[in-house]
């Protein structure tokens, strides 16, 4: 459609969190376009992206003592980039202390691991944050749903109070700024200009 309307180049901006399998599918699909394209990278694609995210999350979701924790929950992936979730938890804990955790809905036993870690530390309440661009089906069913397997149910069974944020990462200005930087980089690559 873009070609039919006279365009000869386009930026395709990924809204993925990590450079996993779905991002690589996007690259392959974009290669089939007849016009010249440039792809904006996913949210976490460089050390600067991680730094911006860590600062933004720390300013947005601070813990209020040793008996409270922040738990960010992403989608998860079978792609080798899965280790980014572990790296992110390490970086958060290094920056802010041990009461911040990163888990995933799919893959591994991260809910069990985090529930156990929180319980062992005597933490009484958690602040659950969907680490996804939008808080959709995974948020409604897997995180805060009423099923016995939901994250909410698992924390509550252990006597840990859970409060949840009901909006995804895409609502936060510091996240939008990372994507805007990636769009600018993709525009620079396709146009040869420095924006």
N, C-alpha and C. Protein backbone atom coordinates (compact mmCIF):
# COMPACT_ATOMS: atom_id res chain seq x y z
N UNK A 1 0.82 -1.20 0.00
CA UNK A 1 0.00 0.00 0.00
C UNK A 1 0.85 1.25 0.00
N UNK A 2 1.95 1.23 0.76
CA UNK A 2 2.83 2.40 0.78
C UNK A 2 3.41 2.66 -0.60
N UNK A 3 3.86 1.58 -1.25
CA UNK A 3 4.42 1.72 -2.59
C UNK A 3 3.36 2.25 -3.55
N UNK A 4 2.15 1.73 -3.47
CA UNK A 4 1.06 2.18 -4.34
C UNK A 4 0.74 3.65 -4.13
N UNK A 5 1.02 4.17 -2.96
CA UNK A 5 0.75 5.57 -2.66
C UNK A 5 1.96 6.47 -2.87
N UNK A 6 2.98 5.94 -3.53
CA UNK A 6 4.12 6.75 -3.93
C UNK A 6 5.28 6.82 -2.95
N UNK A 7 5.23 6.05 -1.89
CA UNK A 7 6.34 6.05 -0.94
C UNK A 7 7.42 5.09 -1.42
N UNK A 8 8.68 5.48 -1.22
CA UNK A 8 9.76 4.58 -1.64
C UNK A 8 10.62 4.11 -0.48
N UNK A 9 10.30 4.57 0.73
CA UNK A 9 11.00 4.08 1.91
C UNK A 9 10.11 4.22 3.15
N UNK A 10 10.40 3.39 4.16
CA UNK A 10 9.59 3.40 5.38
C UNK A 10 10.40 2.88 6.55
N UNK A 11 10.08 3.39 7.73
CA UNK A 11 10.63 2.85 8.97
C UNK A 11 9.57 1.94 9.57
N UNK A 12 9.98 0.75 9.96
CA UNK A 12 9.10 -0.21 10.63
C UNK A 12 9.58 -0.29 12.07
N UNK A 13 8.78 0.24 13.00
CA UNK A 13 9.20 0.24 14.40
C UNK A 13 8.64 -0.96 15.14
N UNK A 14 9.52 -1.77 15.68
CA UNK A 14 9.14 -2.90 16.52
C UNK A 14 8.58 -2.38 17.84
N UNK A 15 7.54 -3.02 18.33
CA UNK A 15 7.03 -2.73 19.67
C UNK A 15 7.27 -3.93 20.59
N UNK A 16 8.29 -4.72 20.27
CA UNK A 16 8.68 -5.84 21.12
C UNK A 16 9.53 -5.31 22.27
N UNK A 17 9.56 -6.04 23.36
CA UNK A 17 10.40 -5.67 24.50
C UNK A 17 11.84 -6.11 24.25
N UNK A 18 12.02 -7.30 23.70
CA UNK A 18 13.35 -7.87 23.45
C UNK A 18 13.48 -8.33 21.99
N UNK A 19 14.70 -8.58 21.58
CA UNK A 19 14.97 -9.05 20.20
C UNK A 19 14.82 -10.57 20.14
N UNK A 20 13.61 -11.05 20.34
CA UNK A 20 13.35 -12.49 20.34
C UNK A 20 12.86 -12.99 19.00
N UNK A 21 12.21 -14.14 19.02
CA UNK A 21 11.77 -14.81 17.79
C UNK A 21 10.79 -13.95 16.99
N UNK A 22 9.85 -13.30 17.67
CA UNK A 22 8.87 -12.49 16.94
C UNK A 22 9.52 -11.29 16.25
N UNK A 23 10.54 -10.71 16.87
CA UNK A 23 11.26 -9.61 16.23
C UNK A 23 11.97 -10.10 14.97
N UNK A 24 12.57 -11.28 15.04
CA UNK A 24 13.26 -11.82 13.87
C UNK A 24 12.28 -12.16 12.75
N UNK A 25 11.07 -12.57 13.11
CA UNK A 25 10.02 -12.78 12.09
C UNK A 25 9.66 -11.45 11.43
N UNK A 26 9.60 -10.39 12.22
CA UNK A 26 9.32 -9.06 11.67
C UNK A 26 10.39 -8.66 10.66
N UNK A 27 11.63 -8.93 10.97
CA UNK A 27 12.72 -8.62 10.04
C UNK A 27 12.52 -9.36 8.72
N UNK A 28 12.22 -10.67 8.82
CA UNK A 28 12.04 -11.46 7.60
C UNK A 28 10.84 -10.98 6.78
N UNK A 29 9.75 -10.62 7.44
CA UNK A 29 8.59 -10.10 6.72
C UNK A 29 8.90 -8.76 6.06
N UNK A 30 9.64 -7.92 6.74
CA UNK A 30 9.98 -6.61 6.20
C UNK A 30 10.89 -6.72 4.97
N UNK A 31 11.72 -7.74 4.95
CA UNK A 31 12.61 -7.94 3.79
C UNK A 31 11.83 -8.19 2.51
N UNK A 32 10.57 -8.62 2.64
CA UNK A 32 9.77 -8.91 1.46
C UNK A 32 9.12 -7.66 0.86
N UNK A 33 9.26 -6.53 1.56
CA UNK A 33 8.69 -5.28 1.04
C UNK A 33 9.44 -4.85 -0.21
N UNK A 34 8.73 -4.21 -1.12
CA UNK A 34 9.35 -3.73 -2.35
C UNK A 34 10.01 -2.37 -2.16
N UNK A 35 9.64 -1.64 -1.12
CA UNK A 35 10.26 -0.34 -0.87
C UNK A 35 11.40 -0.51 0.13
N UNK A 36 12.26 0.49 0.18
CA UNK A 36 13.40 0.45 1.10
C UNK A 36 12.90 0.63 2.53
N UNK A 37 13.37 -0.24 3.42
CA UNK A 37 12.91 -0.17 4.81
C UNK A 37 14.08 -0.15 5.79
N UNK A 38 13.79 0.37 6.95
CA UNK A 38 14.72 0.35 8.08
C UNK A 38 13.90 -0.04 9.30
N UNK A 39 14.47 -0.86 10.17
CA UNK A 39 13.72 -1.36 11.31
C UNK A 39 14.21 -0.71 12.60
N UNK A 40 13.26 -0.15 13.37
CA UNK A 40 13.58 0.36 14.69
C UNK A 40 13.64 -0.80 15.66
N UNK A 41 14.66 -0.81 16.50
CA UNK A 41 14.90 -1.95 17.40
C UNK A 41 13.90 -2.02 18.54
N UNK A 42 13.78 -3.21 19.16
CA UNK A 42 12.90 -3.36 20.32
C UNK A 42 13.32 -2.50 21.51
N UNK A 43 12.49 -2.49 22.53
CA UNK A 43 12.70 -1.64 23.69
C UNK A 43 14.10 -1.78 24.29
N UNK A 44 14.51 -3.00 24.59
CA UNK A 44 15.81 -3.22 25.23
C UNK A 44 16.80 -3.78 24.23
N UNK A 45 17.55 -2.87 23.61
CA UNK A 45 18.48 -3.27 22.55
C UNK A 45 19.91 -2.81 22.79
N UNK A 46 20.13 -2.01 23.82
CA UNK A 46 21.47 -1.49 24.09
C UNK A 46 21.64 -1.25 25.59
N UNK A 47 22.88 -1.11 26.06
CA UNK A 47 23.09 -0.77 27.48
C UNK A 47 22.39 0.54 27.87
N UNK A 48 22.33 1.50 26.96
CA UNK A 48 21.64 2.76 27.25
C UNK A 48 20.15 2.54 27.47
N UNK A 49 19.54 1.62 26.70
CA UNK A 49 18.12 1.31 26.88
C UNK A 49 17.88 0.73 28.28
N UNK A 50 18.74 -0.20 28.69
CA UNK A 50 18.60 -0.80 30.02
C UNK A 50 18.74 0.26 31.10
N UNK A 51 19.71 1.15 30.94
CA UNK A 51 19.94 2.20 31.92
C UNK A 51 18.73 3.13 32.04
N UNK A 52 18.16 3.53 30.90
CA UNK A 52 16.97 4.39 30.91
C UNK A 52 15.80 3.68 31.57
N UNK A 53 15.62 2.42 31.25
CA UNK A 53 14.54 1.63 31.84
C UNK A 53 14.71 1.51 33.36
N UNK A 54 15.90 1.17 33.80
CA UNK A 54 16.16 0.97 35.22
C UNK A 54 15.91 2.26 36.00
N UNK A 55 16.37 3.39 35.47
CA UNK A 55 16.14 4.67 36.13
C UNK A 55 14.65 5.00 36.16
N UNK A 56 13.97 4.81 35.04
CA UNK A 56 12.54 5.11 34.96
C UNK A 56 11.71 4.26 35.89
N UNK A 57 12.00 2.96 35.95
CA UNK A 57 11.25 2.07 36.84
C UNK A 57 11.51 2.43 38.30
N UNK A 58 12.76 2.74 38.62
CA UNK A 58 13.09 3.11 40.00
C UNK A 58 12.38 4.37 40.44
N UNK A 59 12.21 5.32 39.53
CA UNK A 59 11.52 6.57 39.85
C UNK A 59 10.00 6.39 39.89
N UNK A 60 9.48 5.39 39.20
CA UNK A 60 8.04 5.21 39.06
C UNK A 60 7.47 4.24 40.10
N UNK A 61 8.22 3.19 40.45
CA UNK A 61 7.71 2.15 41.35
C UNK A 61 8.65 1.92 42.53
N UNK A 62 8.88 2.94 43.37
CA UNK A 62 9.79 2.73 44.49
C UNK A 62 9.16 1.84 45.56
N UNK A 63 10.00 1.03 46.22
CA UNK A 63 9.50 0.25 47.35
C UNK A 63 9.53 1.13 48.59
N UNK A 64 8.70 0.79 49.56
CA UNK A 64 8.56 1.61 50.76
C UNK A 64 8.99 0.86 52.01
N UNK A 65 10.06 0.15 51.94
CA UNK A 65 10.55 -0.56 53.12
C UNK A 65 10.93 -1.99 52.81
N UNK A 66 11.46 -2.65 53.84
CA UNK A 66 11.95 -4.01 53.69
C UNK A 66 10.85 -5.05 53.56
N UNK A 67 9.60 -4.66 53.86
CA UNK A 67 8.52 -5.66 53.79
C UNK A 67 7.67 -5.49 52.54
N UNK A 68 8.19 -4.77 51.53
CA UNK A 68 7.47 -4.58 50.27
C UNK A 68 8.44 -4.81 49.11
N UNK A 69 7.92 -5.36 48.02
CA UNK A 69 8.74 -5.63 46.84
C UNK A 69 8.01 -5.22 45.57
N UNK A 70 8.79 -4.94 44.54
CA UNK A 70 8.25 -4.70 43.20
C UNK A 70 8.54 -5.94 42.37
N UNK A 71 7.51 -6.45 41.68
CA UNK A 71 7.67 -7.63 40.82
C UNK A 71 7.21 -7.25 39.42
N UNK A 72 8.14 -7.26 38.48
CA UNK A 72 7.81 -7.01 37.08
C UNK A 72 7.67 -8.35 36.38
N UNK A 73 6.60 -8.51 35.59
CA UNK A 73 6.36 -9.79 34.93
C UNK A 73 6.22 -9.57 33.43
N UNK A 74 7.13 -10.18 32.67
CA UNK A 74 7.11 -10.10 31.22
C UNK A 74 6.46 -11.32 30.60
N UNK A 75 6.44 -11.32 29.29
CA UNK A 75 5.81 -12.43 28.55
C UNK A 75 6.65 -13.69 28.64
N UNK A 76 7.94 -13.56 28.41
CA UNK A 76 8.83 -14.72 28.35
C UNK A 76 9.04 -15.16 26.92
N UNK A 77 10.07 -15.97 26.70
CA UNK A 77 10.39 -16.44 25.35
C UNK A 77 11.25 -17.69 25.43
N UNK A 78 11.17 -18.51 24.40
CA UNK A 78 12.05 -19.67 24.27
C UNK A 78 13.33 -19.30 23.52
N UNK A 79 13.36 -18.11 22.95
CA UNK A 79 14.52 -17.61 22.21
C UNK A 79 15.69 -17.42 23.19
N UNK A 80 16.95 -17.55 22.70
CA UNK A 80 18.09 -17.36 23.60
C UNK A 80 18.13 -16.02 24.34
N UNK A 81 17.36 -15.04 23.87
CA UNK A 81 17.33 -13.74 24.54
C UNK A 81 16.62 -13.82 25.90
N UNK A 82 16.08 -14.99 26.28
CA UNK A 82 15.40 -15.17 27.57
C UNK A 82 16.28 -14.73 28.73
N UNK A 83 17.58 -14.86 28.57
CA UNK A 83 18.51 -14.50 29.66
C UNK A 83 18.48 -13.01 29.98
N UNK A 84 17.92 -12.20 29.09
CA UNK A 84 17.81 -10.77 29.35
C UNK A 84 16.94 -10.50 30.58
N UNK A 85 15.95 -11.33 30.84
CA UNK A 85 15.11 -11.15 32.02
C UNK A 85 15.94 -11.33 33.30
N UNK A 86 16.83 -12.33 33.28
CA UNK A 86 17.69 -12.59 34.44
C UNK A 86 18.67 -11.43 34.61
N UNK A 87 19.24 -10.98 33.50
CA UNK A 87 20.18 -9.84 33.55
C UNK A 87 19.48 -8.60 34.09
N UNK A 88 18.26 -8.38 33.66
CA UNK A 88 17.51 -7.21 34.11
C UNK A 88 17.26 -7.26 35.62
N UNK A 89 16.87 -8.43 36.12
CA UNK A 89 16.67 -8.55 37.57
C UNK A 89 17.96 -8.26 38.31
N UNK A 90 19.07 -8.79 37.82
CA UNK A 90 20.37 -8.53 38.45
C UNK A 90 20.67 -7.03 38.47
N UNK A 91 20.45 -6.35 37.35
CA UNK A 91 20.74 -4.91 37.27
C UNK A 91 19.83 -4.10 38.19
N UNK A 92 18.55 -4.47 38.26
CA UNK A 92 17.63 -3.80 39.18
C UNK A 92 18.09 -3.96 40.62
N UNK A 93 18.42 -5.20 40.99
CA UNK A 93 18.82 -5.45 42.38
C UNK A 93 20.14 -4.78 42.71
N UNK A 94 21.03 -4.72 41.75
CA UNK A 94 22.31 -4.02 41.97
C UNK A 94 22.08 -2.54 42.21
N UNK A 95 21.13 -1.96 41.48
CA UNK A 95 20.85 -0.52 41.58
C UNK A 95 20.00 -0.17 42.80
N UNK A 96 18.99 -0.99 43.10
CA UNK A 96 17.99 -0.61 44.10
C UNK A 96 17.91 -1.53 45.31
N UNK A 97 18.69 -2.56 45.36
CA UNK A 97 18.57 -3.50 46.46
C UNK A 97 17.84 -4.75 46.02
N UNK A 98 17.59 -5.62 46.95
CA UNK A 98 17.11 -6.95 46.60
C UNK A 98 15.59 -7.07 46.48
N UNK A 99 14.84 -6.04 46.77
CA UNK A 99 13.38 -6.16 46.77
C UNK A 99 12.74 -5.80 45.44
N UNK A 100 13.38 -6.18 44.36
CA UNK A 100 12.79 -6.02 43.03
C UNK A 100 13.11 -7.28 42.23
N UNK A 101 12.07 -7.82 41.60
CA UNK A 101 12.20 -9.10 40.91
C UNK A 101 11.63 -8.98 39.50
N UNK A 102 12.16 -9.82 38.59
CA UNK A 102 11.66 -9.87 37.22
C UNK A 102 11.30 -11.32 36.91
N UNK A 103 10.06 -11.53 36.51
CA UNK A 103 9.60 -12.86 36.17
C UNK A 103 8.96 -12.88 34.80
N UNK A 104 8.53 -14.06 34.37
CA UNK A 104 7.88 -14.21 33.07
C UNK A 104 6.67 -15.12 33.20
N UNK A 105 5.69 -14.89 32.32
CA UNK A 105 4.48 -15.71 32.29
C UNK A 105 4.78 -17.07 31.68
N UNK A 106 5.51 -17.07 30.57
CA UNK A 106 5.79 -18.31 29.85
C UNK A 106 7.25 -18.69 29.98
N UNK A 107 7.50 -19.92 30.35
CA UNK A 107 8.86 -20.42 30.44
C UNK A 107 9.37 -20.40 31.87
N UNK A 108 9.96 -21.49 32.28
CA UNK A 108 10.55 -21.56 33.60
C UNK A 108 9.51 -21.57 34.71
N UNK A 109 9.99 -21.46 35.92
CA UNK A 109 9.10 -21.47 37.09
C UNK A 109 9.25 -20.14 37.83
N UNK A 110 9.28 -19.05 37.11
CA UNK A 110 9.62 -17.79 37.75
C UNK A 110 8.63 -17.36 38.82
N UNK A 111 7.36 -17.69 38.67
CA UNK A 111 6.40 -17.31 39.71
C UNK A 111 6.74 -18.04 41.00
N UNK A 112 6.95 -19.35 40.93
CA UNK A 112 7.31 -20.12 42.12
C UNK A 112 8.59 -19.59 42.76
N UNK A 113 9.59 -19.29 41.92
CA UNK A 113 10.87 -18.78 42.42
C UNK A 113 10.68 -17.46 43.16
N UNK A 114 9.90 -16.56 42.58
CA UNK A 114 9.72 -15.24 43.18
C UNK A 114 8.87 -15.33 44.44
N UNK A 115 7.80 -16.11 44.41
CA UNK A 115 6.97 -16.29 45.61
C UNK A 115 7.84 -16.82 46.75
N UNK A 116 8.67 -17.80 46.46
CA UNK A 116 9.54 -18.38 47.49
C UNK A 116 10.54 -17.35 48.01
N UNK A 117 11.16 -16.59 47.12
CA UNK A 117 12.14 -15.58 47.54
C UNK A 117 11.49 -14.51 48.40
N UNK A 118 10.32 -14.05 47.99
CA UNK A 118 9.60 -13.02 48.74
C UNK A 118 9.20 -13.55 50.12
N UNK A 119 8.71 -14.78 50.17
CA UNK A 119 8.29 -15.40 51.43
C UNK A 119 9.47 -15.54 52.38
N UNK A 120 10.60 -16.02 51.86
CA UNK A 120 11.79 -16.22 52.70
C UNK A 120 12.31 -14.92 53.28
N UNK A 121 12.11 -13.81 52.57
CA UNK A 121 12.58 -12.51 53.07
C UNK A 121 11.58 -11.85 54.01
N UNK A 122 10.43 -12.47 54.21
CA UNK A 122 9.44 -11.90 55.10
C UNK A 122 8.70 -10.70 54.53
N UNK A 123 8.68 -10.60 53.21
CA UNK A 123 8.00 -9.49 52.55
C UNK A 123 6.49 -9.71 52.66
N UNK A 124 5.78 -8.67 53.06
CA UNK A 124 4.34 -8.78 53.33
C UNK A 124 3.47 -8.35 52.16
N UNK A 125 4.01 -7.52 51.25
CA UNK A 125 3.19 -7.08 50.10
C UNK A 125 4.08 -6.85 48.89
N UNK A 126 3.48 -7.06 47.72
CA UNK A 126 4.20 -6.82 46.48
C UNK A 126 3.39 -5.87 45.60
N UNK A 127 4.13 -5.19 44.77
CA UNK A 127 3.57 -4.27 43.78
C UNK A 127 3.85 -4.92 42.44
N UNK A 128 2.84 -5.49 41.79
CA UNK A 128 3.03 -6.24 40.54
C UNK A 128 2.87 -5.31 39.34
N UNK A 129 3.87 -5.33 38.46
CA UNK A 129 3.89 -4.44 37.29
C UNK A 129 3.99 -5.30 36.04
N UNK A 130 3.03 -5.19 35.10
CA UNK A 130 3.16 -5.94 33.85
C UNK A 130 4.31 -5.37 33.03
N UNK A 131 5.32 -6.21 32.79
CA UNK A 131 6.49 -5.81 32.00
C UNK A 131 6.22 -6.17 30.54
N UNK A 132 5.14 -5.59 30.02
CA UNK A 132 4.66 -5.82 28.66
C UNK A 132 4.19 -4.46 28.12
N UNK A 133 4.22 -4.29 26.83
CA UNK A 133 3.85 -2.99 26.26
C UNK A 133 2.39 -2.66 26.58
N UNK A 134 1.51 -3.65 26.53
CA UNK A 134 0.11 -3.46 26.94
C UNK A 134 -0.24 -4.51 27.99
N UNK A 135 -1.14 -4.16 28.89
CA UNK A 135 -1.61 -5.10 29.90
C UNK A 135 -2.88 -5.77 29.36
N UNK A 136 -2.68 -6.82 28.58
CA UNK A 136 -3.79 -7.48 27.91
C UNK A 136 -4.21 -8.77 28.58
N UNK A 137 -4.39 -9.80 27.77
CA UNK A 137 -4.90 -11.09 28.24
C UNK A 137 -3.99 -11.70 29.31
N UNK A 138 -2.69 -11.66 29.09
CA UNK A 138 -1.78 -12.23 30.10
C UNK A 138 -1.98 -11.54 31.44
N UNK A 139 -2.13 -10.24 31.42
CA UNK A 139 -2.32 -9.50 32.66
C UNK A 139 -3.63 -9.92 33.32
N UNK A 140 -4.73 -9.91 32.54
CA UNK A 140 -6.05 -10.20 33.09
C UNK A 140 -6.18 -11.63 33.59
N UNK A 141 -5.60 -12.59 32.88
CA UNK A 141 -5.78 -13.98 33.24
C UNK A 141 -4.62 -14.54 34.08
N UNK A 142 -3.39 -14.41 33.57
CA UNK A 142 -2.25 -15.05 34.22
C UNK A 142 -1.75 -14.30 35.45
N UNK A 143 -1.86 -12.98 35.44
CA UNK A 143 -1.32 -12.22 36.57
C UNK A 143 -2.35 -11.94 37.65
N UNK A 144 -3.49 -11.34 37.29
CA UNK A 144 -4.45 -10.93 38.33
C UNK A 144 -5.75 -11.74 38.29
N UNK A 145 -5.79 -12.78 37.49
CA UNK A 145 -7.00 -13.58 37.36
C UNK A 145 -7.36 -14.33 38.64
N UNK A 146 -8.55 -14.90 38.66
CA UNK A 146 -9.03 -15.61 39.84
C UNK A 146 -8.67 -17.10 39.85
N UNK A 147 -8.03 -17.59 38.79
CA UNK A 147 -7.68 -19.02 38.77
C UNK A 147 -6.64 -19.30 39.85
N UNK A 148 -6.57 -20.55 40.27
CA UNK A 148 -5.61 -20.90 41.32
C UNK A 148 -4.17 -20.82 40.86
N UNK A 149 -3.94 -20.77 39.53
CA UNK A 149 -2.58 -20.68 39.00
C UNK A 149 -2.12 -19.25 38.73
N UNK A 150 -2.99 -18.27 38.92
CA UNK A 150 -2.60 -16.88 38.64
C UNK A 150 -1.55 -16.43 39.66
N UNK A 151 -0.75 -15.44 39.27
CA UNK A 151 0.26 -14.90 40.18
C UNK A 151 -0.42 -14.35 41.44
N UNK A 152 -1.53 -13.68 41.27
CA UNK A 152 -2.27 -13.13 42.41
C UNK A 152 -2.63 -14.23 43.40
N UNK A 153 -3.22 -15.31 42.91
CA UNK A 153 -3.63 -16.41 43.79
C UNK A 153 -2.44 -17.04 44.49
N UNK A 154 -1.33 -17.18 43.79
CA UNK A 154 -0.17 -17.82 44.39
C UNK A 154 0.44 -16.97 45.50
N UNK A 155 0.48 -15.65 45.30
CA UNK A 155 0.98 -14.79 46.37
C UNK A 155 0.01 -14.78 47.55
N UNK A 156 -1.28 -14.67 47.26
CA UNK A 156 -2.27 -14.60 48.34
C UNK A 156 -2.31 -15.87 49.17
N UNK A 157 -2.07 -17.03 48.54
CA UNK A 157 -2.03 -18.29 49.30
C UNK A 157 -0.92 -18.29 50.34
N UNK A 158 0.12 -17.50 50.06
CA UNK A 158 1.25 -17.42 51.01
C UNK A 158 1.09 -16.26 51.98
N UNK A 159 -0.07 -15.61 51.96
CA UNK A 159 -0.32 -14.49 52.88
C UNK A 159 0.36 -13.20 52.48
N UNK A 160 0.69 -13.08 51.20
CA UNK A 160 1.37 -11.88 50.70
C UNK A 160 0.36 -11.05 49.92
N UNK A 161 0.17 -9.82 50.37
CA UNK A 161 -0.77 -8.91 49.71
C UNK A 161 -0.20 -8.48 48.36
N UNK A 162 -1.06 -8.39 47.34
CA UNK A 162 -0.60 -7.98 46.03
C UNK A 162 -1.44 -6.81 45.52
N UNK A 163 -0.74 -5.76 45.10
CA UNK A 163 -1.36 -4.65 44.39
C UNK A 163 -0.79 -4.68 42.98
N UNK A 164 -1.61 -4.39 41.98
CA UNK A 164 -1.15 -4.47 40.59
C UNK A 164 -1.41 -3.17 39.85
N UNK A 165 -0.50 -2.84 38.98
CA UNK A 165 -0.68 -1.74 38.04
C UNK A 165 -1.41 -2.31 36.84
N UNK A 166 -2.44 -1.63 36.36
CA UNK A 166 -3.24 -2.20 35.27
C UNK A 166 -2.94 -1.57 33.92
N UNK A 167 -1.74 -1.03 33.76
CA UNK A 167 -1.35 -0.50 32.45
C UNK A 167 0.03 -1.01 32.08
N UNK A 168 0.23 -1.20 30.79
CA UNK A 168 1.49 -1.71 30.29
C UNK A 168 2.55 -0.64 30.19
N UNK A 169 3.74 -1.07 29.79
CA UNK A 169 4.88 -0.16 29.69
C UNK A 169 4.66 0.98 28.71
N UNK A 170 3.84 0.74 27.69
CA UNK A 170 3.62 1.74 26.66
C UNK A 170 3.01 3.04 27.15
N UNK A 171 2.51 3.07 28.38
CA UNK A 171 1.90 4.27 28.93
C UNK A 171 2.91 5.20 29.61
N UNK A 172 4.14 4.76 29.79
CA UNK A 172 5.12 5.55 30.55
C UNK A 172 6.01 6.36 29.61
N UNK A 173 6.15 7.66 29.87
CA UNK A 173 6.94 8.52 28.98
C UNK A 173 8.38 8.05 28.79
N UNK A 174 9.01 7.50 29.83
CA UNK A 174 10.40 7.07 29.67
C UNK A 174 10.51 5.88 28.71
N UNK A 175 9.46 5.07 28.62
CA UNK A 175 9.44 3.96 27.66
C UNK A 175 9.23 4.51 26.25
N UNK A 176 8.28 5.42 26.11
CA UNK A 176 8.02 6.04 24.80
C UNK A 176 9.28 6.71 24.29
N UNK A 177 10.05 7.36 25.17
CA UNK A 177 11.29 8.03 24.75
C UNK A 177 12.30 7.04 24.17
N UNK A 178 12.37 5.83 24.73
CA UNK A 178 13.29 4.83 24.17
C UNK A 178 12.86 4.47 22.75
N UNK A 179 11.56 4.25 22.56
CA UNK A 179 11.08 3.91 21.21
C UNK A 179 11.30 5.07 20.24
N UNK A 180 11.11 6.29 20.68
CA UNK A 180 11.36 7.45 19.80
C UNK A 180 12.82 7.50 19.39
N UNK A 181 13.73 7.23 20.33
CA UNK A 181 15.16 7.18 19.97
C UNK A 181 15.42 6.10 18.93
N UNK A 182 14.75 4.96 19.05
CA UNK A 182 14.94 3.88 18.08
C UNK A 182 14.38 4.26 16.71
N UNK A 183 13.27 4.98 16.70
CA UNK A 183 12.73 5.47 15.43
C UNK A 183 13.71 6.43 14.78
N UNK A 184 14.28 7.34 15.56
CA UNK A 184 15.26 8.30 15.03
C UNK A 184 16.47 7.57 14.45
N UNK A 185 16.94 6.53 15.16
CA UNK A 185 18.08 5.77 14.65
C UNK A 185 17.74 5.08 13.34
N UNK A 186 16.53 4.54 13.24
CA UNK A 186 16.10 3.89 12.00
C UNK A 186 15.95 4.91 10.88
N UNK A 187 15.44 6.09 11.19
CA UNK A 187 15.34 7.15 10.18
C UNK A 187 16.71 7.58 9.70
N UNK A 188 17.66 7.70 10.62
CA UNK A 188 19.03 8.06 10.24
C UNK A 188 19.62 7.00 9.31
N UNK A 189 19.36 5.74 9.61
CA UNK A 189 19.91 4.66 8.79
C UNK A 189 19.33 4.67 7.39
N UNK A 190 18.06 4.99 7.26
CA UNK A 190 17.42 4.94 5.93
C UNK A 190 17.66 6.21 5.11
N UNK A 191 17.81 7.34 5.83
CA UNK A 191 17.95 8.60 5.10
C UNK A 191 19.37 9.09 4.96
N UNK A 192 20.26 8.54 5.80
CA UNK A 192 21.65 9.02 5.76
C UNK A 192 21.84 10.35 6.46
N UNK A 193 20.77 10.84 7.11
CA UNK A 193 20.87 12.11 7.84
C UNK A 193 20.91 11.80 9.33
N UNK A 194 21.38 12.77 10.11
CA UNK A 194 21.41 12.62 11.55
C UNK A 194 20.31 13.47 12.16
N UNK A 195 19.25 12.84 12.66
CA UNK A 195 18.11 13.57 13.24
C UNK A 195 18.28 13.80 14.72
